[in-house]
Amino acid sequence: MSPVRLILAFALTLGGLFAWGPAAADADNAACPALFQHEVRKLHSKDDVDLCPLTAGKVVLVVNTASQCGFTPQFKGLEALYKAYRDEGLVVLGFPSDAFRQELDDEGATAKVCYVNYGVTFPMMATSRVRGAEANPVFQALNRAAGEPEWNFNKYLVSRDGEVLRHFPSSAKPRGGELEAAVQAALR
């Protein structure tokens, strides 16, 4: 059991529930869709993120990003969307990728674009592949369910139970359009 899951299992005991060992791990995995039963490295970090506790019971918007793309300013709208709906159960996950040759080679520079230039506070993962057989495991599942991203800033809306609800193209603006309406509907 990962340290995060161990802490979660211990926290459950505080409420009078006893959750420990394999049964607790099974319960954690049951609450976490298979799509998110992975640990991935955080952007510009040696630390991994267990996606299960991050996404369990949440509506998730997964985005393949790039730092040198015409759509890069969407980081601002994605951050605004995240801040507007995170308390209702939305989490945005960013996955930088060089699939379309528009990501910086240095993760530190990518992190600067995200965190400094655009003020991103939603979870950003390490640069990885999002297309083909070598795609990271989250995108392998998304690609099977809804098709591969055709460009940077494709957006995949995933329900609380792990169903891929919709795949939005790069041109879908984070705020004030179809994407935001779909997020609102998924949160109800």
C-alpha atoms as a PDB file:
ATOM      1  CA  MET A   1       0.000   0.000   0.000  1.00  0.00           C
ATOM      2  CA  SER A   2       1.374   3.416  -0.918  1.00  0.00           C
ATOM      3  CA  PRO A   3       2.074   5.877   1.928  1.00  0.00           C
ATOM      4  CA  VAL A   4      -0.807   8.087   0.761  1.00  0.00           C
ATOM      5  CA  ARG A   5      -3.247   5.183   0.800  1.00  0.00           C
ATOM      6  CA  LEU A   6      -1.922   4.129   4.200  1.00  0.00           C
ATOM      7  CA  ILE A   7      -2.595   7.620   5.550  1.00  0.00           C
ATOM      8  CA  LEU A   8      -6.077   7.581   4.011  1.00  0.00           C
ATOM      9  CA  ALA A   9      -6.779   4.183   5.558  1.00  0.00           C
ATOM     10  CA  PHE A  10      -5.635   5.470   8.961  1.00  0.00           C
ATOM     11  CA  ALA A  11      -7.794   8.582   8.586  1.00  0.00           C
ATOM     12  CA  LEU A  12     -10.836   6.377   8.089  1.00  0.00           C
ATOM     13  CA  THR A  13     -10.205   4.766  11.481  1.00  0.00           C
ATOM     14  CA  LEU A  14     -10.631   8.168  13.141  1.00  0.00           C
ATOM     15  CA  GLY A  15     -14.312   8.176  12.182  1.00  0.00           C
ATOM     16  CA  GLY A  16     -14.928   4.854  13.870  1.00  0.00           C
ATOM     17  CA  LEU A  17     -14.368   2.877  10.701  1.00  0.00           C
ATOM     18  CA  PHE A  18     -11.709   0.224  10.550  1.00  0.00           C
ATOM     19  CA  ALA A  19      -9.892   0.170   7.220  1.00  0.00           C
ATOM     20  CA  TRP A  20      -6.544  -1.505   6.978  1.00  0.00           C
ATOM     21  CA  GLY A  21      -4.588  -3.858   4.771  1.00  0.00           C
ATOM     22  CA  PRO A  22      -5.782  -5.327   1.445  1.00  0.00           C
ATOM     23  CA  ALA A  23      -9.449  -4.565   2.129  1.00  0.00           C
ATOM     24  CA  ALA A  24      -8.614  -0.860   2.473  1.00  0.00           C
ATOM     25  CA  ALA A  25      -6.608  -0.905  -0.754  1.00  0.00           C
ATOM     26  CA  ASP A  26      -9.522  -2.608  -2.512  1.00  0.00           C
ATOM     27  CA  ALA A  27     -11.904   0.028  -1.132  1.00  0.00           C
ATOM     28  CA  ASP A  28      -9.574   2.812  -2.309  1.00  0.00           C
ATOM     29  CA  ASN A  29      -9.346   1.256  -5.768  1.00  0.00           C
ATOM     30  CA  ALA A  30     -13.123   0.787  -5.910  1.00  0.00           C
ATOM     31  CA  ALA A  31     -13.582   4.530  -5.307  1.00  0.00           C
ATOM     32  CA  CYS A  32     -10.897   5.290  -7.872  1.00  0.00           C
ATOM     33  CA  PRO A  33     -11.647   4.576 -11.531  1.00  0.00           C
ATOM     34  CA  ALA A  34      -9.127   2.313 -13.294  1.00  0.00           C
ATOM     35  CA  LEU A  35      -8.205   5.249 -15.515  1.00  0.00           C
ATOM     36  CA  PHE A  36      -6.600   6.952 -12.519  1.00  0.00           C
ATOM     37  CA  GLN A  37      -5.041   3.974 -10.719  1.00  0.00           C
ATOM     38  CA  HIS A  38      -1.545   5.199 -11.498  1.00  0.00           C
ATOM     39  CA  GLU A  39       1.286   7.110  -9.922  1.00  0.00           C
ATOM     40  CA  VAL A  40       2.880   9.701 -12.180  1.00  0.00           C
ATOM     41  CA  ARG A  41       5.735  12.083 -11.637  1.00  0.00           C
ATOM     42  CA  LYS A  42       4.921  15.727 -10.903  1.00  0.00           C
ATOM     43  CA  LEU A  43       6.218  18.410 -13.241  1.00  0.00           C
ATOM     44  CA  HIS A  44       9.824  19.406 -12.521  1.00  0.00           C
ATOM     45  CA  SER A  45       9.985  17.154  -9.471  1.00  0.00           C
ATOM     46  CA  LYS A  46      11.290  13.792  -8.321  1.00  0.00           C
ATOM     47  CA  ASP A  47       8.001  13.233  -6.448  1.00  0.00           C
ATOM     48  CA  ASP A  48       5.197  11.063  -7.741  1.00  0.00           C
ATOM     49  CA  VAL A  49       1.502  11.800  -7.499  1.00  0.00           C
ATOM     50  CA  ASP A  50      -0.964   9.003  -6.727  1.00  0.00           C
ATOM     51  CA  LEU A  51      -3.859   9.949  -8.971  1.00  0.00           C
ATOM     52  CA  CYS A  52      -6.394   7.891  -6.971  1.00  0.00           C
ATOM     53  CA  PRO A  53      -6.791  10.148  -3.927  1.00  0.00           C
ATOM     54  CA  LEU A  54      -6.472  13.187  -6.173  1.00  0.00           C
ATOM     55  CA  THR A  55      -9.381  12.144  -8.419  1.00  0.00           C
ATOM     56  CA  ALA A  56     -11.598   9.839  -6.321  1.00  0.00           C
ATOM     57  CA  GLY A  57     -15.164  11.115  -6.401  1.00  0.00           C
ATOM     58  CA  LYS A  58     -14.206  14.083  -8.591  1.00  0.00           C
ATOM     59  CA  VAL A  59     -15.078  15.240 -12.073  1.00  0.00           C
ATOM     60  CA  VAL A  60     -11.743  15.379 -13.880  1.00  0.00           C
ATOM     61  CA  LEU A  61     -10.632  17.450 -16.847  1.00  0.00           C
ATOM     62  CA  VAL A  62      -7.454  16.000 -18.360  1.00  0.00           C
ATOM     63  CA  VAL A  63      -5.530  18.262 -20.743  1.00  0.00           C
ATOM     64  CA  ASN A  64      -2.452  17.621 -22.886  1.00  0.00           C
ATOM     65  CA  THR A  65      -0.484  20.853 -22.738  1.00  0.00           C
ATOM     66  CA  ALA A  66       2.490  22.495 -24.429  1.00  0.00           C
ATOM     67  CA  SER A  67       4.419  25.607 -23.471  1.00  0.00           C
ATOM     68  CA  GLN A  68       5.108  26.980 -26.938  1.00  0.00           C
ATOM     69  CA  CYS A  69       1.752  26.572 -28.644  1.00  0.00           C
ATOM     70  CA  GLY A  70      -0.749  29.116 -29.878  1.00  0.00           C
ATOM     71  CA  PHE A  71      -3.164  27.604 -27.350  1.00  0.00           C
ATOM     72  CA  THR A  72      -0.762  28.001 -24.386  1.00  0.00           C
ATOM     73  CA  PRO A  73      -2.693  31.069 -23.123  1.00  0.00           C
ATOM     74  CA  GLN A  74      -5.525  28.623 -22.328  1.00  0.00           C
ATOM     75  CA  PHE A  75      -3.622  27.908 -19.104  1.00  0.00           C
ATOM     76  CA  LYS A  76      -5.208  31.110 -17.787  1.00  0.00           C
ATOM     77  CA  GLY A  77      -8.731  29.902 -18.623  1.00  0.00           C
ATOM     78  CA  LEU A  78      -8.051  26.398 -17.295  1.00  0.00           C
ATOM     79  CA  GLU A  79      -6.852  27.879 -14.017  1.00  0.00           C
ATOM     80  CA  ALA A  80      -9.956  30.085 -13.813  1.00  0.00           C
ATOM     81  CA  LEU A  81     -12.172  27.056 -14.511  1.00  0.00           C
ATOM     82  CA  TYR A  82     -10.373  25.049 -11.836  1.00  0.00           C
ATOM     83  CA  LYS A  83     -10.717  27.818  -9.250  1.00  0.00           C
ATOM     84  CA  ALA A  84     -14.388  28.347 -10.092  1.00  0.00           C
ATOM     85  CA  TYR A  85     -15.381  24.684  -9.679  1.00  0.00           C
ATOM     86  CA  ARG A  86     -12.795  22.911  -7.512  1.00  0.00           C
ATOM     87  CA  ASP A  87     -14.918  23.319  -4.386  1.00  0.00           C
ATOM     88  CA  GLU A  88     -17.770  21.590  -6.253  1.00  0.00           C
ATOM     89  CA  GLY A  89     -15.544  18.628  -7.107  1.00  0.00           C
ATOM     90  CA  LEU A  90     -13.592  19.489 -10.266  1.00  0.00           C
ATOM     91  CA  VAL A  91      -9.924  18.684 -10.660  1.00  0.00           C
ATOM     92  CA  VAL A  92      -7.881  19.643 -13.727  1.00  0.00           C
ATOM     93  CA  LEU A  93      -4.854  17.507 -14.590  1.00  0.00           C
ATOM     94  CA  GLY A  94      -2.253  18.884 -16.987  1.00  0.00           C
ATOM     95  CA  PHE A  95       0.025  16.555 -18.944  1.00  0.00           C
ATOM     96  CA  PRO A  96       2.732  18.433 -20.869  1.00  0.00           C
ATOM     97  CA  SER A  97       3.749  16.641 -24.029  1.00  0.00           C
ATOM     98  CA  ASP A  98       6.001  17.218 -26.993  1.00  0.00           C
ATOM     99  CA  ALA A  99       3.722  15.170 -29.269  1.00  0.00           C
ATOM    100  CA  PHE A 100       3.430  18.137 -31.608  1.00  0.00           C
ATOM    101  CA  ARG A 101       6.949  19.525 -31.080  1.00  0.00           C
ATOM    102  CA  GLN A 102       5.830  22.542 -29.068  1.00  0.00           C
ATOM    103  CA  GLU A 103       6.995  21.638 -25.564  1.00  0.00           C
ATOM    104  CA  LEU A 104      10.214  22.916 -24.069  1.00  0.00           C
ATOM    105  CA  ASP A 105      13.017  20.372 -23.577  1.00  0.00           C
ATOM    106  CA  ASP A 106      13.663  21.573 -20.024  1.00  0.00           C
ATOM    107  CA  GLU A 107      10.986  20.731 -17.430  1.00  0.00           C
ATOM    108  CA  GLY A 108      12.153  23.670 -15.326  1.00  0.00           C
ATOM    109  CA  ALA A 109      11.303  26.003 -18.212  1.00  0.00           C
ATOM    110  CA  THR A 110       7.946  24.242 -18.675  1.00  0.00           C
ATOM    111  CA  ALA A 111       7.224  24.670 -14.959  1.00  0.00           C
ATOM    112  CA  LYS A 112       8.061  28.382 -15.218  1.00  0.00           C
ATOM    113  CA  VAL A 113       5.570  28.820 -18.061  1.00  0.00           C
ATOM    114  CA  CYS A 114       2.858  27.029 -16.069  1.00  0.00           C
ATOM    115  CA  TYR A 115       3.431  28.267 -12.549  1.00  0.00           C
ATOM    116  CA  VAL A 116       5.051  31.688 -13.009  1.00  0.00           C
ATOM    117  CA  ASN A 117       3.736  32.953 -16.337  1.00  0.00           C
ATOM    118  CA  TYR A 118       0.167  31.623 -15.961  1.00  0.00           C
ATOM    119  CA  GLY A 119      -0.226  31.056 -12.202  1.00  0.00           C
ATOM    120  CA  VAL A 120      -1.321  27.433 -12.572  1.00  0.00           C
ATOM    121  CA  THR A 121      -2.259  25.785  -9.271  1.00  0.00           C
ATOM    122  CA  PHE A 122      -3.940  22.662 -10.643  1.00  0.00           C
ATOM    123  CA  PRO A 123      -1.789  19.495 -10.736  1.00  0.00           C
ATOM    124  CA  MET A 124       0.734  19.368 -13.570  1.00  0.00           C
ATOM    125  CA  MET A 125       2.475  16.119 -14.399  1.00  0.00           C
ATOM    126  CA  ALA A 126       5.917  15.528 -15.863  1.00  0.00           C
ATOM    127  CA  THR A 127       6.306  15.765 -19.617  1.00  0.00           C
ATOM    128  CA  SER A 128       5.190  12.491 -21.183  1.00  0.00           C
ATOM    129  CA  ARG A 129       3.819  10.978 -24.354  1.00  0.00           C
ATOM    130  CA  VAL A 130       0.100  11.287 -25.022  1.00  0.00           C
ATOM    131  CA  ARG A 131      -0.196   9.493 -28.378  1.00  0.00           C
ATOM    132  CA  GLY A 132       0.575   6.028 -29.680  1.00  0.00           C
ATOM    133  CA  ALA A 133       1.691   2.863 -27.925  1.00  0.00           C
ATOM    134  CA  GLU A 134       4.133   4.777 -25.690  1.00  0.00           C
ATOM    135  CA  ALA A 135       1.497   7.159 -24.311  1.00  0.00           C
ATOM    136  CA  ASN A 136       1.358   7.446 -20.542  1.00  0.00           C
ATOM    137  CA  PRO A 137      -1.231   5.066 -19.005  1.00  0.00           C
ATOM    138  CA  VAL A 138      -3.845   7.778 -18.449  1.00  0.00           C
ATOM    139  CA  PHE A 139      -3.729   8.808 -22.094  1.00  0.00           C
ATOM    140  CA  GLN A 140      -3.686   5.193 -23.271  1.00  0.00           C
ATOM    141  CA  ALA A 141      -7.074   4.774 -21.577  1.00  0.00           C
ATOM    142  CA  LEU A 142      -8.374   8.152 -22.781  1.00  0.00           C
ATOM    143  CA  ASN A 143      -7.228   7.417 -26.333  1.00  0.00           C
ATOM    144  CA  ARG A 144      -9.052   4.057 -26.349  1.00  0.00           C
ATOM    145  CA  ALA A 145     -12.230   5.650 -25.011  1.00  0.00           C
ATOM    146  CA  ALA A 146     -12.341   8.911 -26.971  1.00  0.00           C
ATOM    147  CA  GLY A 147      -9.522   9.094 -29.510  1.00  0.00           C
ATOM    148  CA  GLU A 148      -6.013  10.514 -29.453  1.00  0.00           C
ATOM    149  CA  PRO A 149      -5.382  14.221 -29.122  1.00  0.00           C
ATOM    150  CA  GLU A 150      -5.023  15.810 -32.535  1.00  0.00           C
ATOM    151  CA  TRP A 151      -3.107  18.789 -31.179  1.00  0.00           C
ATOM    152  CA  ASN A 152      -2.089  20.428 -27.908  1.00  0.00           C
ATOM    153  CA  PHE A 153      -4.727  21.432 -25.369  1.00  0.00           C
ATOM    154  CA  ASN A 154      -7.202  18.667 -26.192  1.00  0.00           C
ATOM    155  CA  LYS A 155      -9.450  18.237 -23.178  1.00  0.00           C
ATOM    156  CA  TYR A 156     -11.039  15.056 -21.827  1.00  0.00           C
ATOM    157  CA  LEU A 157     -13.926  15.367 -19.382  1.00  0.00           C
ATOM    158  CA  VAL A 158     -14.219  12.355 -17.065  1.00  0.00           C
ATOM    159  CA  SER A 159     -17.168  11.694 -14.732  1.00  0.00           C
ATOM    160  CA  ARG A 160     -16.867  10.947 -11.032  1.00  0.00           C
ATOM    161  CA  ASP A 161     -17.112   7.220 -11.802  1.00  0.00           C
ATOM    162  CA  GLY A 162     -14.423   7.293 -14.497  1.00  0.00           C
ATOM    163  CA  GLU A 163     -16.555   7.446 -17.638  1.00  0.00           C
ATOM    164  CA  VAL A 164     -15.003   9.570 -20.388  1.00  0.00           C
ATOM    165  CA  LEU A 165     -17.882  11.940 -21.076  1.00  0.00           C
ATOM    166  CA  ARG A 166     -16.413  13.988 -23.880  1.00  0.00           C
ATOM    167  CA  HIS A 167     -13.253  14.829 -25.795  1.00  0.00           C
ATOM    168  CA  PHE A 168     -12.932  18.518 -26.649  1.00  0.00           C
ATOM    169  CA  PRO A 169     -10.566  19.868 -29.318  1.00  0.00           C
ATOM    170  CA  SER A 170      -7.882  22.482 -28.740  1.00  0.00           C
ATOM    171  CA  SER A 171     -10.221  25.238 -29.861  1.00  0.00           C
ATOM    172  CA  ALA A 172     -12.663  24.605 -26.976  1.00  0.00           C
ATOM    173  CA  LYS A 173     -12.250  27.543 -24.627  1.00  0.00           C
ATOM    174  CA  PRO A 174     -12.160  26.665 -20.924  1.00  0.00           C
ATOM    175  CA  ARG A 175     -14.658  29.360 -19.857  1.00  0.00           C
ATOM    176  CA  GLY A 176     -17.954  30.578 -21.250  1.00  0.00           C
ATOM    177  CA  GLY A 177     -18.728  27.843 -23.764  1.00  0.00           C
ATOM    178  CA  GLU A 178     -19.536  24.189 -24.345  1.00  0.00           C
ATOM    179  CA  LEU A 179     -16.685  22.936 -22.174  1.00  0.00           C
ATOM    180  CA  GLU A 180     -17.745  24.908 -19.112  1.00  0.00           C
ATOM    181  CA  ALA A 181     -21.386  23.886 -19.659  1.00  0.00           C
ATOM    182  CA  ALA A 182     -20.312  20.222 -19.808  1.00  0.00           C
ATOM    183  CA  VAL A 183     -18.282  20.622 -16.594  1.00  0.00           C
ATOM    184  CA  GLN A 184     -21.298  22.162 -14.864  1.00  0.00           C
ATOM    185  CA  ALA A 185     -23.538  19.301 -16.017  1.00  0.00           C
ATOM    186  CA  ALA A 186     -21.028  16.678 -14.858  1.00  0.00           C
ATOM    187  CA  LEU A 187     -20.804  18.304 -11.423  1.00  0.00           C
ATOM    188  CA  ARG A 188     -24.578  18.130 -10.850  1.00  0.00           C
END
